[in-house]
Amino acid sequence: MDVDNGLGCSMGRVEQMIRYAYWNTGCKGIVVGLSGGIDSAVAAAFCCRAVGPANVLGISLPTSVSNPDDLRDAKELCDQLKMPHQVISIDPMLEAYRSLPGFVETPYLLGNLMARIRMVTLYYHANRDNRIVCGTSNRSEYMLGYCTKHGDNAADIQPLLHLYKTDVYVVARELGIPEPIMQKVPSAGLWEGQSDEKEIGLTYAEIDASLKALLRQQWQARTPAEERVLALVKKSEHKRIAAPNLLAVCPE
């Protein structure tokens, strides 16, 4: 099936991008972190369609505050896609960081640390097995900066980066993602009861409508929601550009 659903890029084109990266790097597989949520589920499904499920390893990286339903949903997804699945608790790694001199634990600091530990773990398995890492960031969260630098926004391929969050649900339906994942409240799982929309302060419908309007309006806000979204876009610009450097002006 190769349909675009009016989203700009067909599903086949996404799979072609994945295959190109897979073949071009000469790797032997793909690693994707499976949270039990819709973004990682869609990313994994795209990878399985592109290179075959036997070549895609899903790794779930829970902590003591993770919802057990997320692990169940990730396992059921892998069973449906016929891809291998591993579960690795990152609690021991978090505990090791707690021994650092001056360690301070807040939800913000711990959430970013967890995101980076998860990505390090994914890259360890990628390095060990000559695989590439598939990212799971969507366009909405990427534009708002709702991601961790060198954490969940680090990857070798990003098959969802052109899709707004609301578009991810349309594609998920086409891909046959299990209903429990489709109906789940979006959450990064960084602490018990955490919700993406509550943390951002806007629904994804409001976010996506605002982002699309801002694009049409040459990034001029006309509503309170658009003003809030624009402020987040500006504040997070550093997450979308390369680190400042003088390579271009001092090449030697």
Foldseek 3Di string as FASTA:
>chain_A
DWDDVPLPHTLVRLLVVLLCLCVVLVFQAEEEEQQLALLSLLLLLSRCVNPNQQRYEYEYEAEPQRDVVSVVSSVVSCVVSVHHYYYHYCHVVVVVVVPDPPDDDDLVVQLLVSQQSVLVVRVVVCVVRRYWYEARDACLCLLLVVHHQNGRVDTPYYSHHSPQPVVSLVSCVVSVRDPVNSPDADAPSSHHPGGPCVVLVHDSVLSVVLVVVCVVVVNDDDDPSVVSSSVSSVVNVVSVDDDDDCCVPPVD
